[in-house]
Amino acid sequence: MNKLCDVLWRLCWLLLLTIGLAFCGQQEEEQPQLSPSLIPLPQDPLLQVYFNQSLTSSYTEPYRQQTRAGDDLEKLVMEAIASAESTVDVAVQEFRLPGVARVLSDRARSGIKVRLIVEHMYSRPWSDFSAQELAKLPERERDRYQEFVQLADTNKDGKLSTDEVNKNDALLIIKNAGIPIIDDTADGSKGSGLMHHKFVVIDGKKVIVTSANFTTSDVHGDFKTPASRGNANNLLKIENAELAQLFTQEFNIMWGDGPGGKADSKFGVKKPFRPMQKVKVGDTTVTVQFSPTSKTLPWEKSVNSLINQNLGIAKKSVNLALFVFSAQRLANTLEIEAQRGVAVKALIDSNFIYRPYSEGLDMMGATLIEHCRLEADNRPWKQPLTTVGVPMLPIGDRLHHKFGVVDRNTVITGSHNWSEAANHGNDETLLAIASPVVAAHFEREFDRLYKGAILGIPPRIKQRIDARKKECESATISPKSPKLVAGNTANNLQIADTKKLVNLNKASQAELETLPGVGPKLAEKIIAARQQYPFTSVDDVARVQGIGQKLLDRWRDRVTF
């Protein structure tokens, strides 16, 4: 029966892939004019919501010149910046959109004070990289460089002229305009977990908060995949001076004296703790808190606790659309809610939902054992949900949202992934917005994603789960180093072979620390990096600050993916 199910599953995927490829070909030949298919919902005049795959609007993308459904998030950011009269502060993990860079450059040259903070792994203009450096980049970064080449090659002659680079390399545009820029190494460290913010503050009274990085992949789509419409993301445009002041404070803490000043920048857990704060935006209450929270403080003070508090008040429904969901305590709260009769639905990105640390598996009552160990406090639901799965997105796109909607009234959103890495290591934003008007927009986006979603555990994953369990149950126990499964000693699962390879995408922190040269801090950075984007090769791990070629060479026969 399992084999038949698996065959049917594969046939379905082949059919979908065929349809997708046919659609790609159509895009290349015809580039059809896509029009909105839903009537726009009312917007709160002070707190407006947008989605790059929305079915209520359409726009012509500026780079591939494709007319497609969705809100133009880049244009929204550009228009907000263009309205600046005194200051613009931008904090974003990745900054690669030339349109935004040009508007910032124009504002700076007009006398507006512009500042930019990025993640250190993405702080160099593409044009700064030598051919030798580009050749050594991990595959994912090489793909990003090729994306830049296709974007910048405006005359399509296969070569990049100096003029094309100067006009299209976003960070070079920033540099040439004299705009000051720092990254999360400005505090004298090797970088925080991730400088993962995605916000803009304008004139101390307007705020843009989004789940999207400022990249073509996150906003518009991948150049190598014509069907791509950009990773599914949202953007909030908020007009409120009190809220803007809180974001400016967060920016100033990270900025310190800026480039050439004192080494007083603070990132990650070096930032002072600030509890959640409530702001009235018109008639709407917005609660804001910034990550991370030090592990030395009670969890109840953390951003994940703020999420938990909002989940805990659910009476009817909770709908989640998450890139990553690996925070066990949040899943435990949802289980209690579900047992009380709350209708819980969850969509998680396909690249994360079936991983051993995924709470999506817990919600479906399953456990994927890795190296005969379980994640600490692992707790599969006793009453599994059938309303958890992955959305069917255009080829090349990812579910990059980080939102939940409670009782069609409260929206939890921002840059903060629902993970311990975000909670205790990254620079992040979380907003909890109590507004049925705002919630209606996120509910519609969830409904769009949920329609046609693949729910439940696919046969291939079920087979893997069963095989791992059988393997561990029949393993020969080594009397020298018995290791019980954390949080599940009743199963008495143990490691039979202590020489097993360490899976860099799945290993626990303790397992990572068995590798040469890896201590607690480096292990945390590896976990944070893989939760954003899984590693594909040993060389790909080089994107983690503190890991060089010598260390990678020592790992080659010790790790897997």
Protein backbone atom coordinates (compact mmCIF):
# COMPACT_ATOMS: atom_id res chain seq x y z
CA MET A 1 0.00 0.00 0.00
CA ASN A 2 2.84 2.39 0.91
CA LYS A 3 4.52 1.73 -2.43
CA LEU A 4 1.27 2.47 -4.30
CA CYS A 5 0.81 5.71 -2.35
CA ASP A 6 4.37 6.71 -3.08
CA VAL A 7 3.92 6.02 -6.80
CA LEU A 8 0.74 8.13 -6.85
CA TRP A 9 2.57 10.89 -4.93
CA ARG A 10 5.41 10.92 -7.44
CA LEU A 11 2.96 10.97 -10.37
CA CYS A 12 1.17 13.97 -8.84
CA TRP A 13 4.45 15.84 -8.45
CA LEU A 14 5.48 14.98 -12.02
CA LEU A 15 2.15 16.28 -13.28
CA LEU A 16 2.51 19.51 -11.30
CA LEU A 17 6.08 19.89 -12.49
CA THR A 18 5.00 19.38 -16.11
CA ILE A 19 2.29 22.01 -15.73
CA GLY A 20 4.80 24.35 -14.11
CA LEU A 21 7.37 23.87 -16.86
CA ALA A 22 4.70 24.42 -19.50
CA PHE A 23 3.74 27.62 -17.70
CA CYS A 24 7.40 28.68 -17.64
CA GLY A 25 7.62 28.22 -21.39
CA GLN A 26 4.44 30.22 -21.87
CA GLN A 27 5.89 33.01 -19.73
CA GLU A 28 9.00 33.17 -21.88
CA GLU A 29 7.05 33.26 -25.14
CA GLU A 30 3.89 35.22 -24.34
CA GLN A 31 4.31 36.99 -20.98
CA PRO A 32 0.48 37.12 -20.51
CA GLN A 33 -1.12 40.15 -18.90
CA LEU A 34 -2.27 38.95 -15.47
CA SER A 35 -5.11 40.91 -13.91
CA PRO A 36 -6.43 40.94 -10.33
CA SER A 37 -9.05 38.30 -9.55
CA LEU A 38 -10.26 39.55 -6.14
CA ILE A 39 -11.76 42.82 -4.99
CA PRO A 40 -9.38 44.74 -2.69
CA LEU A 41 -10.26 44.78 1.00
CA PRO A 42 -10.62 48.03 2.96
CA GLN A 43 -7.34 49.33 4.40
CA ASP A 44 -6.72 51.01 7.72
CA PRO A 45 -5.52 54.50 6.63
CA LEU A 46 -2.68 54.41 9.19
CA LEU A 47 -1.72 50.72 8.90
CA GLN A 48 -1.78 49.30 5.40
CA VAL A 49 -1.04 45.72 4.33
CA TYR A 50 0.45 44.41 1.08
CA PHE A 51 1.47 41.02 -0.38
CA ASN A 52 3.75 40.37 -3.33
CA GLN A 53 1.55 37.47 -4.51
CA SER A 54 -1.76 39.20 -3.81
CA LEU A 55 -4.70 38.48 -6.12
CA THR A 56 -6.21 41.95 -5.61
CA SER A 57 -3.70 43.91 -7.71
CA SER A 58 -1.11 43.63 -10.46
CA TYR A 59 2.02 45.40 -11.65
CA THR A 60 4.72 45.19 -14.29
CA GLU A 61 7.95 44.02 -12.72
CA PRO A 62 10.78 46.49 -13.50
CA TYR A 63 13.49 43.92 -14.29
CA ARG A 64 11.93 41.11 -16.32
CA GLN A 65 9.12 43.37 -17.56
CA GLN A 66 6.51 40.76 -16.68
CA THR A 67 3.01 41.88 -15.82
CA ARG A 68 1.82 39.73 -12.97
CA ALA A 69 -0.59 39.62 -10.03
CA GLY A 70 0.67 41.04 -6.73
CA ASP A 71 1.67 44.22 -4.94
CA ASP A 72 4.97 45.79 -6.01
CA LEU A 73 6.76 45.79 -2.66
CA GLU A 74 9.85 47.47 -4.09
CA LYS A 75 7.78 50.34 -5.44
CA LEU A 76 6.03 50.75 -2.09
CA VAL A 77 9.40 51.06 -0.34
CA MET A 78 10.69 53.46 -3.00
CA GLU A 79 7.64 55.72 -2.76
CA ALA A 80 7.89 55.87 1.02
CA ILE A 81 11.59 56.75 0.88
CA ALA A 82 10.99 59.33 -1.86
CA SER A 83 8.60 61.15 0.49
CA ALA A 84 11.36 61.65 3.10
CA GLU A 85 12.01 65.21 4.20
CA SER A 86 14.69 64.73 6.86
CA THR A 87 15.79 61.15 7.65
CA VAL A 88 15.72 57.58 6.32
CA ASP A 89 17.01 54.62 8.36
CA VAL A 90 17.10 51.18 6.72
CA ALA A 91 17.90 47.93 8.54
CA VAL A 92 17.64 44.90 6.27
CA GLN A 93 19.47 41.58 6.14
CA GLU A 94 20.08 41.67 2.38
CA PHE A 95 20.08 44.80 0.24
CA ARG A 96 20.22 44.06 -3.51
CA LEU A 97 17.40 46.08 -5.08
CA PRO A 98 18.84 48.82 -7.32
CA GLY A 99 15.54 50.70 -7.48
CA VAL A 100 15.56 51.24 -3.71
CA ALA A 101 19.27 52.09 -3.81
CA ARG A 102 18.72 54.78 -6.46
CA VAL A 103 15.97 56.47 -4.43
CA LEU A 104 18.15 56.40 -1.30
CA SER A 105 20.99 57.89 -3.33
CA ASP A 106 18.72 60.64 -4.62
CA ARG A 107 17.50 61.45 -1.09
CA ALA A 108 21.07 61.54 0.26
CA ARG A 109 22.19 63.90 -2.49
CA SER A 110 19.22 66.13 -1.65
CA GLY A 111 20.52 66.56 1.89
CA ILE A 112 18.39 63.90 3.57
CA LYS A 113 20.21 61.94 6.31
CA VAL A 114 20.31 58.30 5.16
CA ARG A 115 21.75 55.36 7.13
CA LEU A 116 21.89 51.66 6.26
CA ILE A 117 22.51 48.51 8.35
CA VAL A 118 22.89 45.07 6.75
CA GLU A 119 23.92 41.55 7.75
CA HIS A 120 27.71 41.12 7.48
CA MET A 121 27.43 38.13 5.14
CA TYR A 122 25.80 40.43 2.57
CA SER A 123 27.70 43.68 3.13
CA ARG A 124 29.88 43.74 -0.02
CA PRO A 125 28.86 45.04 -3.44
CA TRP A 126 28.90 42.26 -6.04
CA SER A 127 31.36 44.30 -8.07
CA ASP A 128 33.89 44.04 -5.20
CA PHE A 129 34.28 40.28 -5.66
CA SER A 130 37.20 39.01 -7.72
CA ALA A 131 36.78 36.12 -10.14
CA GLN A 132 38.67 33.90 -7.70
CA GLU A 133 36.36 34.87 -4.83
CA LEU A 134 33.26 34.28 -6.93
CA ALA A 135 34.50 30.82 -7.86
CA LYS A 136 34.84 29.91 -4.18
CA LEU A 137 31.36 31.09 -3.21
CA PRO A 138 28.83 28.47 -2.07
CA GLU A 139 26.39 27.40 -4.77
CA ARG A 140 23.56 29.49 -3.35
CA GLU A 141 25.69 32.64 -3.39
CA ARG A 142 26.93 31.93 -6.91
CA ASP A 143 23.29 31.74 -7.97
CA ARG A 144 22.69 35.10 -6.37
CA TYR A 145 25.62 36.57 -8.25
CA GLN A 146 24.22 35.22 -11.54
CA GLU A 147 20.91 36.84 -10.60
CA PHE A 148 22.76 40.16 -10.29
CA VAL A 149 24.48 39.62 -13.66
CA GLN A 150 21.13 39.08 -15.38
CA LEU A 151 19.64 42.09 -13.62
CA ALA A 152 22.56 44.41 -14.43
CA ASP A 153 23.06 43.30 -18.04
CA THR A 154 20.45 45.72 -19.35
CA ASN A 155 21.52 45.54 -23.01
CA LYS A 156 21.64 41.70 -22.84
CA ASP A 157 25.02 41.41 -24.54
CA GLY A 158 26.32 38.93 -21.97
CA LYS A 159 28.83 41.44 -20.55
CA LEU A 160 28.72 43.93 -17.70
CA SER A 161 29.95 47.39 -18.55
CA THR A 162 31.12 49.85 -15.89
CA ASP A 163 27.98 51.89 -16.50
CA GLU A 164 25.70 48.86 -16.01
CA VAL A 165 27.43 47.93 -12.77
CA ASN A 166 27.32 51.49 -11.42
CA LYS A 167 23.60 51.73 -12.14
CA ASN A 168 22.54 48.29 -10.91
CA ASP A 169 24.82 47.08 -8.11
CA ALA A 170 22.69 48.24 -5.17
CA LEU A 171 25.43 48.40 -2.55
CA LEU A 172 27.79 50.11 -5.01
CA ILE A 173 25.10 52.75 -5.62
CA ILE A 174 24.94 53.27 -1.85
CA LYS A 175 28.73 53.49 -1.63
CA ASN A 176 29.03 55.95 -4.53
CA ALA A 177 26.38 58.18 -2.95
CA GLY A 178 28.42 58.39 0.25
CA ILE A 179 25.66 56.82 2.33
CA PRO A 180 27.10 55.44 5.59
CA ILE A 181 26.62 51.70 6.07
CA ILE A 182 27.53 49.24 8.83
CA ASP A 183 26.92 45.55 9.51
CA ASP A 184 26.69 43.43 12.65
CA THR A 185 30.46 43.19 13.03
CA ALA A 186 30.55 46.90 13.95
CA ASP A 187 30.38 45.93 17.64
CA GLY A 188 33.79 44.29 17.36
CA SER A 189 32.38 40.76 17.14
CA LYS A 190 32.27 38.31 14.25
CA GLY A 191 28.59 39.13 13.87
CA SER A 192 25.37 38.42 15.74
CA GLY A 193 23.38 35.27 14.99
CA LEU A 194 21.85 37.18 12.08
CA MET A 195 21.05 40.85 11.57
CA HIS A 196 17.67 39.73 10.26
CA HIS A 197 15.66 42.98 10.50
CA LYS A 198 13.66 44.22 7.53
CA PHE A 199 12.43 47.71 8.38
CA VAL A 200 12.62 51.33 7.21
CA VAL A 201 11.94 54.44 9.31
CA ILE A 202 11.17 57.69 7.50
CA ASP A 203 11.21 61.17 9.10
CA GLY A 204 10.63 59.62 12.52
CA LYS A 205 6.94 59.12 11.73
CA LYS A 206 6.56 56.39 9.10
CA VAL A 207 7.63 52.75 9.34
CA ILE A 208 7.87 49.99 6.76
CA VAL A 209 7.99 46.51 8.30
CA THR A 210 8.25 43.49 6.02
CA SER A 211 9.11 39.80 5.93
CA ALA A 212 10.97 40.35 2.65
CA ASN A 213 14.65 40.97 2.13
CA PHE A 214 15.43 43.66 -0.42
CA THR A 215 16.25 41.16 -3.17
CA THR A 216 14.66 40.25 -6.47
CA SER A 217 14.17 36.68 -5.21
CA ASP A 218 12.18 37.81 -2.17
CA VAL A 219 10.19 40.55 -3.89
CA HIS A 220 9.73 39.90 -7.62
CA GLY A 221 11.02 36.41 -8.46
CA ASP A 222 14.08 34.51 -9.66
CA PHE A 223 15.54 35.46 -13.04
CA LYS A 224 16.42 31.84 -13.82
CA THR A 225 12.80 30.75 -13.28
CA PRO A 226 10.29 32.76 -15.35
CA ALA A 227 7.30 31.35 -13.42
CA SER A 228 8.71 32.63 -10.11
CA ARG A 229 6.78 35.48 -8.50
CA GLY A 230 9.04 36.06 -5.50
CA ASN A 231 9.01 34.27 -2.19
CA ALA A 232 5.60 34.78 -0.55
CA ASN A 233 6.06 37.89 1.62
CA ASN A 234 4.10 40.68 3.27
CA LEU A 235 4.72 44.37 3.93
CA LEU A 236 3.18 46.79 6.41
CA LYS A 237 3.20 50.57 5.96
CA ILE A 238 2.50 52.31 9.28
CA GLU A 239 2.16 56.03 10.05
CA ASN A 240 2.72 56.66 13.75
CA ALA A 241 5.43 58.76 15.39
CA GLU A 242 5.43 56.80 18.67
CA LEU A 243 5.96 53.48 16.90
CA ALA A 244 8.57 55.05 14.62
CA GLN A 245 10.45 56.22 17.71
CA LEU A 246 10.70 52.65 19.00
CA PHE A 247 12.15 51.51 15.69
CA THR A 248 14.55 54.47 15.65
CA GLN A 249 15.71 53.51 19.13
CA GLU A 250 16.40 49.95 17.94
CA PHE A 251 18.29 51.33 14.94
CA ASN A 252 20.35 53.72 17.06
CA ILE A 253 21.38 50.97 19.48
CA MET A 254 22.77 48.95 16.57
CA TRP A 255 24.23 52.00 14.83
CA GLY A 256 26.14 53.49 17.76
CA ASP A 257 28.42 56.18 16.38
CA GLY A 258 28.33 54.59 12.94
CA PRO A 259 31.31 54.21 10.58
CA GLY A 260 34.51 55.73 11.94
CA GLY A 261 33.01 56.41 15.36
CA LYS A 262 33.46 54.65 18.67
CA ALA A 263 33.04 50.89 18.82
CA ASP A 264 29.72 51.31 20.62
CA SER A 265 27.41 49.53 18.22
CA LYS A 266 25.37 46.75 19.83
CA PHE A 267 23.89 43.74 18.08
CA GLY A 268 22.35 40.48 19.22
CA VAL A 269 22.33 39.84 22.96
CA LYS A 270 24.67 42.82 23.48
CA LYS A 271 21.67 45.09 23.02
CA PRO A 272 19.89 46.15 26.22
CA PHE A 273 16.74 44.17 26.98
CA ARG A 274 13.52 46.01 26.21
CA PRO A 275 10.17 44.44 27.04
CA MET A 276 7.21 44.47 24.69
CA GLN A 277 5.62 47.89 24.29
CA LYS A 278 2.11 48.79 23.21
CA VAL A 279 1.32 51.69 20.88
CA LYS A 280 -2.04 53.00 19.70
CA VAL A 281 -2.11 53.51 15.94
CA GLY A 282 -5.48 55.21 15.49
CA ASP A 283 -7.92 52.76 17.03
CA THR A 284 -5.52 49.81 16.66
CA THR A 285 -3.26 48.50 19.40
CA VAL A 286 0.16 47.43 18.10
CA THR A 287 2.54 45.55 20.40
CA VAL A 288 6.19 45.58 19.37
CA GLN A 289 9.26 43.79 20.70
CA PHE A 290 12.75 43.32 19.30
CA SER A 291 14.84 40.14 19.44
CA PRO A 292 16.98 38.62 20.77
CA THR A 293 16.44 37.87 24.44
CA SER A 294 19.40 36.52 26.38
CA LYS A 295 19.03 32.97 27.67
CA THR A 296 20.02 34.34 31.08
CA LEU A 297 16.60 36.06 31.29
CA PRO A 298 13.33 34.23 31.93
CA TRP A 299 11.77 32.89 28.73
CA GLU A 300 8.58 34.72 29.67
CA LYS A 301 10.33 38.01 28.82
CA SER A 302 11.24 36.88 25.30
CA VAL A 303 9.68 37.56 21.91
CA ASN A 304 8.60 33.93 21.59
CA SER A 305 6.72 34.43 24.84
CA LEU A 306 4.91 37.38 23.25
CA ILE A 307 3.89 35.07 20.41
CA ASN A 308 2.83 32.50 23.00
CA GLN A 309 0.66 34.99 24.86
CA ASN A 310 -1.25 35.82 21.70
CA LEU A 311 -1.70 32.16 20.79
CA GLY A 312 -2.93 31.45 24.30
CA ILE A 313 -5.93 33.77 24.02
CA ALA A 314 -7.35 32.02 20.94
CA LYS A 315 -11.01 31.06 21.24
CA LYS A 316 -11.94 29.98 17.72
CA SER A 317 -9.06 29.81 15.23
CA VAL A 318 -5.32 30.09 14.65
CA ASN A 319 -3.95 30.19 11.10
CA LEU A 320 -0.18 30.11 10.56
CA ALA A 321 1.97 30.76 7.49
CA LEU A 322 5.59 30.26 8.52
CA PHE A 323 8.96 29.88 6.85
CA VAL A 324 10.33 28.00 9.87
CA PHE A 325 8.52 26.57 12.89
CA SER A 326 10.91 24.97 15.38
CA ALA A 327 9.94 26.54 18.75
CA GLN A 328 8.68 23.65 20.88
CA ARG A 329 6.90 25.70 23.55
CA LEU A 330 4.78 27.46 20.94
CA ALA A 331 3.72 24.10 19.51
CA ASN A 332 2.86 22.89 23.01
CA THR A 333 0.55 25.88 23.50
CA LEU A 334 -1.11 25.26 20.16
CA GLU A 335 -1.75 21.64 21.16
CA ILE A 336 -3.55 22.81 24.28
CA GLU A 337 -5.56 25.25 22.17
CA ALA A 338 -6.50 22.52 19.70
CA GLN A 339 -7.62 20.25 22.55
CA ARG A 340 -9.90 23.06 23.72
CA GLY A 341 -11.57 23.12 20.31
CA VAL A 342 -9.63 25.93 18.61
CA ALA A 343 -9.34 25.27 14.86
CA VAL A 344 -5.58 25.27 14.13
CA LYS A 345 -4.22 25.33 10.60
CA ALA A 346 -0.56 25.69 9.65
CA LEU A 347 1.40 26.07 6.44
CA ILE A 348 5.19 25.75 6.64
CA ASP A 349 7.79 26.10 3.91
CA SER A 350 8.41 22.78 2.16
CA ASN A 351 12.13 22.90 2.86
CA PHE A 352 11.60 22.94 6.63
CA ILE A 353 8.35 21.21 7.48
CA TYR A 354 9.70 17.64 7.36
CA ARG A 355 12.96 18.25 9.23
CA PRO A 356 13.56 16.54 12.61
CA TYR A 357 13.29 19.85 14.48
CA SER A 358 10.08 20.91 12.73
CA GLU A 359 7.03 21.51 14.90
CA GLY A 360 4.99 20.76 11.81
CA LEU A 361 5.84 17.09 12.33
CA ASP A 362 4.83 17.37 16.00
CA MET A 363 1.47 18.82 14.96
CA MET A 364 0.95 15.88 12.61
CA GLY A 365 1.79 13.44 15.41
CA ALA A 366 5.07 12.32 13.88
CA THR A 367 8.72 12.17 14.88
CA LEU A 368 11.65 11.91 12.49
CA ILE A 369 14.51 10.41 14.50
CA GLU A 370 18.01 11.54 13.57
CA HIS A 371 21.03 9.51 14.74
CA CYS A 372 18.65 7.72 17.14
CA ARG A 373 18.20 10.96 19.06
CA LEU A 374 15.21 13.19 19.50
CA GLU A 375 15.15 16.94 19.90
CA ALA A 376 14.99 17.86 23.59
CA ASP A 377 11.37 18.01 24.84
CA ASN A 378 10.11 16.56 21.55
CA ARG A 379 6.33 16.16 21.85
CA PRO A 380 4.30 14.73 18.94
CA TRP A 381 0.63 15.60 19.33
CA LYS A 382 -1.59 12.86 20.75
CA GLN A 383 -4.42 14.07 18.53
CA PRO A 384 -2.64 14.84 15.23
CA LEU A 385 -3.91 17.55 12.91
CA THR A 386 -4.89 16.99 9.29
CA THR A 387 -4.73 20.73 8.63
CA VAL A 388 -0.94 21.11 8.46
CA GLY A 389 1.04 21.11 5.24
CA VAL A 390 2.83 23.03 2.51
CA PRO A 391 1.39 25.51 -0.02
CA MET A 392 1.66 25.01 -3.76
CA LEU A 393 3.74 27.99 -4.89
CA PRO A 394 5.12 28.98 -8.30
CA ILE A 395 8.27 27.07 -9.21
CA GLY A 396 11.29 28.59 -7.48
CA ASP A 397 9.34 30.41 -4.76
CA ARG A 398 9.35 29.81 -1.01
CA LEU A 399 6.89 30.49 1.80
CA HIS A 400 8.81 33.30 3.51
CA HIS A 401 6.01 34.68 5.69
CA LYS A 402 6.30 34.66 9.46
CA PHE A 403 2.68 35.35 10.41
CA GLY A 404 -0.15 33.97 12.48
CA VAL A 405 -3.76 35.14 12.71
CA VAL A 406 -5.69 34.54 15.94
CA ASP A 407 -9.51 34.58 15.90
CA ARG A 408 -9.52 36.67 12.72
CA ASN A 409 -8.63 39.63 14.92
CA THR A 410 -4.95 39.58 15.97
CA VAL A 411 -2.02 39.35 13.55
CA ILE A 412 1.45 38.25 14.64
CA THR A 413 4.04 39.22 12.03
CA GLY A 414 7.47 40.74 11.34
CA SER A 415 10.92 39.37 10.50
CA HIS A 416 11.00 36.99 13.50
CA ASN A 417 10.91 33.31 12.48
CA TRP A 418 9.26 31.04 15.05
CA SER A 419 12.52 29.50 16.22
CA GLU A 420 14.88 29.59 19.17
CA ALA A 421 17.61 31.00 16.91
CA ALA A 422 15.44 34.07 16.26
CA ASN A 423 14.44 34.28 19.91
CA HIS A 424 17.93 34.11 21.44
CA GLY A 425 20.41 35.08 18.70
CA ASN A 426 19.09 37.25 15.88
CA ASP A 427 18.23 40.93 15.53
CA GLU A 428 14.50 40.72 14.73
CA THR A 429 11.18 42.55 14.81
CA LEU A 430 7.85 41.17 16.01
CA LEU A 431 4.51 42.96 15.85
CA ALA A 432 1.19 41.84 17.34
CA ILE A 433 -1.62 43.86 15.77
CA ALA A 434 -5.12 43.74 17.24
CA SER A 435 -7.27 44.76 14.28
CA PRO A 436 -9.97 42.84 12.38
CA VAL A 437 -9.33 45.14 9.39
CA VAL A 438 -5.64 44.17 9.24
CA ALA A 439 -6.42 40.55 10.11
CA ALA A 440 -8.80 40.28 7.14
CA HIS A 441 -5.88 40.90 4.76
CA PHE A 442 -3.73 38.22 6.35
CA GLU A 443 -6.68 35.80 6.47
CA ARG A 444 -7.19 36.27 2.74
CA GLU A 445 -3.49 35.61 2.11
CA PHE A 446 -3.67 32.49 4.26
CA ASP A 447 -6.75 31.28 2.39
CA ARG A 448 -4.95 31.81 -0.93
CA LEU A 449 -2.01 29.72 0.26
CA TYR A 450 -4.17 27.06 1.92
CA LYS A 451 -6.24 26.48 -1.20
CA GLY A 452 -4.64 23.52 -2.96
CA ALA A 453 -2.04 23.02 -0.21
CA ILE A 454 -0.59 19.53 0.30
CA LEU A 455 -1.74 18.53 3.78
CA GLY A 456 -0.49 15.73 5.98
CA ILE A 457 2.63 13.57 5.80
CA PRO A 458 3.60 12.45 2.27
CA PRO A 459 4.22 8.69 1.83
CA ARG A 460 7.92 9.23 1.19
CA ILE A 461 8.30 11.03 4.54
CA LYS A 462 6.21 8.39 6.31
CA GLN A 463 8.50 5.70 4.94
CA ARG A 464 11.56 7.60 6.13
CA ILE A 465 10.05 8.01 9.60
CA ASP A 466 9.24 4.29 9.85
CA ALA A 467 12.67 3.28 8.56
CA ARG A 468 14.51 5.48 11.07
CA LYS A 469 12.42 4.16 13.93
CA LYS A 470 13.02 0.54 12.91
CA GLU A 471 16.75 1.20 12.51
CA CYS A 472 17.04 2.65 16.01
CA GLU A 473 14.92 -0.05 17.65
CA SER A 474 17.13 -2.79 16.19
CA ALA A 475 20.45 -1.00 16.75
CA THR A 476 23.16 -2.77 18.73
CA ILE A 477 23.78 -0.84 21.94
CA SER A 478 27.37 0.12 22.64
CA PRO A 479 28.06 -0.51 26.35
CA LYS A 480 30.77 2.17 26.37
CA SER A 481 28.64 5.12 25.38
CA PRO A 482 24.91 4.56 25.77
CA LYS A 483 22.97 7.75 25.03
CA LEU A 484 19.25 7.85 25.72
CA VAL A 485 16.97 9.97 23.60
CA ALA A 486 16.41 13.34 25.27
CA GLY A 487 12.89 13.73 26.58
CA ASN A 488 11.79 10.26 25.47
CA THR A 489 13.64 7.71 27.58
CA ALA A 490 10.67 5.35 27.47
CA ASN A 491 11.57 4.43 23.92
CA ASN A 492 15.14 3.72 25.05
CA LEU A 493 16.52 4.75 21.67
CA GLN A 494 20.31 4.88 21.67
CA ILE A 495 23.23 5.54 19.38
CA ALA A 496 24.90 2.32 18.29
CA ASP A 497 27.71 3.87 16.32
CA THR A 498 29.41 6.95 17.74
CA LYS A 499 31.30 7.44 14.48
CA LYS A 500 28.22 8.37 12.47
CA LEU A 501 28.51 11.44 10.28
CA VAL A 502 27.22 14.71 11.68
CA ASN A 503 24.38 16.08 9.55
CA LEU A 504 25.00 19.84 9.52
CA ASN A 505 21.37 20.54 8.62
CA LYS A 506 19.91 18.43 11.42
CA ALA A 507 22.43 17.89 14.21
CA SER A 508 21.76 19.16 17.71
CA GLN A 509 24.05 21.76 19.23
CA ALA A 510 25.75 19.05 21.29
CA GLU A 511 26.40 16.98 18.15
CA LEU A 512 27.81 19.98 16.30
CA GLU A 513 30.20 20.58 19.18
CA THR A 514 31.74 17.14 18.57
CA LEU A 515 33.25 18.53 15.35
CA PRO A 516 36.83 19.86 15.44
CA GLY A 517 36.98 23.55 16.31
CA VAL A 518 33.29 23.93 17.16
CA GLY A 519 32.29 25.44 20.48
CA PRO A 520 28.89 26.61 21.73
CA LYS A 521 28.95 29.99 19.93
CA LEU A 522 29.97 28.56 16.55
CA ALA A 523 27.40 25.77 16.90
CA GLU A 524 24.71 28.39 17.50
CA LYS A 525 25.79 30.29 14.37
CA ILE A 526 25.63 27.09 12.30
CA ILE A 527 22.10 26.40 13.56
CA ALA A 528 21.01 29.99 12.88
CA ALA A 529 22.43 29.90 9.34
CA ARG A 530 20.85 26.56 8.41
CA GLN A 531 17.45 27.64 9.71
CA GLN A 532 17.51 30.49 7.21
CA TYR A 533 18.82 28.38 4.32
CA PRO A 534 19.94 24.73 4.59
CA PHE A 535 23.50 23.84 3.65
CA THR A 536 24.01 21.97 0.39
CA SER A 537 27.73 21.18 0.57
CA VAL A 538 30.79 21.54 2.77
CA ASP A 539 31.82 24.67 0.85
CA ASP A 540 28.37 26.15 1.42
CA VAL A 541 29.07 26.20 5.17
CA ALA A 542 31.77 28.81 4.53
CA ARG A 543 29.04 31.48 4.65
CA VAL A 544 29.03 31.09 8.44
CA GLN A 545 31.32 33.66 10.03
CA GLY A 546 34.25 31.96 11.76
CA ILE A 547 34.42 28.92 9.46
CA GLY A 548 37.40 28.92 7.10
CA GLN A 549 38.90 26.52 4.60
CA LYS A 550 41.19 24.80 7.10
CA LEU A 551 38.26 23.96 9.35
CA LEU A 552 36.18 22.73 6.41
CA ASP A 553 38.99 20.45 5.30
CA ARG A 554 38.96 18.83 8.75
CA TRP A 555 35.22 18.22 8.44
CA ARG A 556 35.00 16.72 4.96
CA ASP A 557 34.99 13.10 6.15
CA ARG A 558 32.92 13.84 9.23
CA VAL A 559 29.79 15.64 7.98
CA THR A 560 26.80 15.06 5.75
CA PHE A 561 23.71 17.03 4.65
